[in-house]
N, C-alpha and C. Protein backbone atom coordinates (compact mmCIF):
# COMPACT_ATOMS: atom_id res chain seq x y z
N MET A 1 96.46 -81.98 -89.86
CA MET A 1 97.55 -82.82 -90.26
C MET A 1 98.39 -82.12 -91.34
N ALA A 2 97.73 -81.39 -92.22
CA ALA A 2 98.47 -80.68 -93.26
C ALA A 2 99.42 -79.65 -92.64
N LEU A 3 98.95 -78.97 -91.63
CA LEU A 3 99.80 -77.99 -90.95
C LEU A 3 100.97 -78.69 -90.25
N GLY A 4 100.70 -79.74 -89.52
CA GLY A 4 101.73 -80.45 -88.77
C GLY A 4 102.79 -81.07 -89.65
N PHE A 5 102.34 -81.73 -90.71
CA PHE A 5 103.30 -82.41 -91.58
C PHE A 5 103.89 -81.47 -92.64
N GLY A 6 103.04 -80.62 -93.21
CA GLY A 6 103.49 -79.77 -94.31
C GLY A 6 104.21 -78.52 -93.89
N ILE A 7 103.59 -77.74 -93.01
CA ILE A 7 104.17 -76.45 -92.62
C ILE A 7 105.20 -76.60 -91.51
N LEU A 8 104.82 -77.31 -90.44
CA LEU A 8 105.73 -77.47 -89.30
C LEU A 8 106.78 -78.55 -89.53
N ARG A 9 106.54 -79.40 -90.54
CA ARG A 9 107.47 -80.48 -90.91
C ARG A 9 107.79 -81.41 -89.74
N LEU A 10 106.74 -81.76 -88.99
CA LEU A 10 106.90 -82.68 -87.88
C LEU A 10 106.95 -84.11 -88.41
N SER A 11 107.68 -84.95 -87.71
CA SER A 11 107.63 -86.37 -88.03
C SER A 11 106.29 -86.91 -87.56
N SER A 12 105.89 -88.05 -88.09
CA SER A 12 104.61 -88.61 -87.66
C SER A 12 104.63 -88.92 -86.17
N ARG A 13 105.75 -89.37 -85.66
CA ARG A 13 105.87 -89.65 -84.22
C ARG A 13 105.65 -88.39 -83.40
N ASP A 14 106.33 -87.29 -83.80
CA ASP A 14 106.19 -86.03 -83.06
C ASP A 14 104.78 -85.47 -83.17
N PHE A 15 104.19 -85.58 -84.36
CA PHE A 15 102.84 -85.06 -84.55
C PHE A 15 101.85 -85.78 -83.64
N TRP A 16 101.91 -87.09 -83.61
CA TRP A 16 100.92 -87.84 -82.83
C TRP A 16 101.19 -87.77 -81.33
N CYS A 17 102.39 -87.34 -80.93
CA CYS A 17 102.69 -87.16 -79.51
C CYS A 17 102.22 -85.80 -78.98
N LEU A 18 101.88 -84.88 -79.88
CA LEU A 18 101.43 -83.56 -79.45
C LEU A 18 100.08 -83.64 -78.75
N THR A 19 99.92 -82.82 -77.73
CA THR A 19 98.60 -82.67 -77.13
C THR A 19 97.84 -81.63 -77.96
N PRO A 20 96.53 -81.59 -77.87
CA PRO A 20 95.79 -80.55 -78.60
C PRO A 20 96.24 -79.14 -78.23
N ARG A 21 96.59 -78.93 -76.99
CA ARG A 21 97.05 -77.61 -76.55
C ARG A 21 98.39 -77.26 -77.21
N GLU A 22 99.30 -78.23 -77.32
CA GLU A 22 100.59 -77.98 -77.96
C GLU A 22 100.41 -77.69 -79.45
N LEU A 23 99.51 -78.43 -80.10
CA LEU A 23 99.26 -78.20 -81.52
C LEU A 23 98.66 -76.82 -81.74
N ALA A 24 97.73 -76.42 -80.86
CA ALA A 24 97.14 -75.09 -80.98
C ALA A 24 98.20 -74.00 -80.80
N ALA A 25 99.11 -74.20 -79.87
CA ALA A 25 100.18 -73.23 -79.66
C ALA A 25 101.10 -73.15 -80.87
N ALA A 26 101.35 -74.28 -81.51
CA ALA A 26 102.22 -74.30 -82.69
C ALA A 26 101.54 -73.62 -83.88
N CYS A 27 100.22 -73.58 -83.89
CA CYS A 27 99.48 -72.98 -85.00
C CYS A 27 99.41 -71.46 -84.90
N ARG A 28 99.62 -70.93 -83.72
CA ARG A 28 99.55 -69.48 -83.53
C ARG A 28 100.81 -68.82 -84.07
N PRO A 29 100.69 -67.59 -84.56
CA PRO A 29 101.89 -66.88 -85.00
C PRO A 29 102.76 -66.54 -83.80
N PRO A 30 104.07 -66.43 -83.99
CA PRO A 30 104.95 -66.11 -82.87
C PRO A 30 104.62 -64.74 -82.29
N ALA A 31 104.75 -64.64 -80.99
CA ALA A 31 104.48 -63.37 -80.30
C ALA A 31 105.64 -62.41 -80.55
N ALA A 32 105.30 -61.19 -80.85
CA ALA A 32 106.32 -60.16 -81.04
C ALA A 32 106.71 -59.60 -79.67
N THR A 33 107.83 -60.07 -79.15
CA THR A 33 108.25 -59.64 -77.82
C THR A 33 109.35 -58.58 -77.87
N SER A 34 110.00 -58.48 -79.01
CA SER A 34 111.11 -57.55 -79.10
C SER A 34 111.20 -57.04 -80.53
N SER A 35 111.69 -55.83 -80.67
CA SER A 35 111.87 -55.26 -82.00
C SER A 35 113.25 -55.58 -82.55
N GLY A 36 114.02 -56.34 -81.83
CA GLY A 36 115.35 -56.70 -82.30
C GLY A 36 116.43 -56.23 -81.35
N LEU A 37 117.62 -56.41 -81.74
CA LEU A 37 118.77 -56.07 -80.92
C LEU A 37 119.28 -54.70 -81.35
N ASP A 38 119.41 -53.80 -80.40
CA ASP A 38 119.95 -52.47 -80.72
C ASP A 38 121.47 -52.47 -80.51
N ARG A 39 122.08 -51.35 -80.82
CA ARG A 39 123.55 -51.25 -80.75
C ARG A 39 124.06 -51.47 -79.32
N ALA A 40 123.36 -50.94 -78.33
CA ALA A 40 123.79 -51.10 -76.94
C ALA A 40 123.66 -52.55 -76.49
N GLY A 41 122.59 -53.21 -76.92
CA GLY A 41 122.42 -54.62 -76.59
C GLY A 41 123.50 -55.49 -77.21
N LEU A 42 123.85 -55.18 -78.47
CA LEU A 42 124.92 -55.92 -79.12
C LEU A 42 126.25 -55.71 -78.41
N ALA A 43 126.53 -54.48 -78.03
CA ALA A 43 127.78 -54.19 -77.31
C ALA A 43 127.84 -54.95 -75.99
N ALA A 44 126.70 -55.03 -75.29
CA ALA A 44 126.67 -55.76 -74.02
C ALA A 44 126.93 -57.24 -74.25
N LEU A 45 126.33 -57.80 -75.29
CA LEU A 45 126.57 -59.23 -75.59
C LEU A 45 128.02 -59.48 -75.99
N MET A 46 128.58 -58.57 -76.78
CA MET A 46 129.97 -58.73 -77.20
C MET A 46 130.92 -58.64 -76.01
N ALA A 47 130.60 -57.79 -75.04
CA ALA A 47 131.44 -57.69 -73.84
C ALA A 47 131.29 -58.94 -72.98
N ARG A 48 130.09 -59.47 -72.92
CA ARG A 48 129.86 -60.64 -72.08
C ARG A 48 130.40 -61.92 -72.70
N PHE A 49 130.32 -62.01 -74.02
CA PHE A 49 130.77 -63.22 -74.72
C PHE A 49 131.74 -62.84 -75.83
N PRO A 50 132.97 -62.48 -75.48
CA PRO A 50 133.93 -62.04 -76.51
C PRO A 50 134.35 -63.22 -77.40
N ASP A 51 134.60 -62.89 -78.65
CA ASP A 51 135.14 -63.89 -79.57
C ASP A 51 136.60 -64.11 -79.24
N THR A 52 136.98 -65.36 -79.14
CA THR A 52 138.37 -65.69 -78.90
C THR A 52 138.80 -66.72 -79.93
N THR A 53 140.07 -66.70 -80.26
CA THR A 53 140.59 -67.68 -81.19
C THR A 53 141.40 -68.70 -80.42
N ARG A 54 141.16 -69.95 -80.74
CA ARG A 54 141.91 -71.04 -80.11
C ARG A 54 142.98 -71.51 -81.06
N ARG A 55 144.14 -71.75 -80.52
CA ARG A 55 145.26 -72.23 -81.35
C ARG A 55 145.76 -73.52 -80.83
């Protein structure tokens, strides 16, 4: 309960709706799947989603 309410800051409703499996997953550290975005990845995102100004 200390982890759910204190660290995860869940509401009491959300905490009590969790299954034991969901709570266990929330207690694990996040998986390191990527080392971050490199320059080429950023360029690809910028090309795909260009910033535009609306007037």
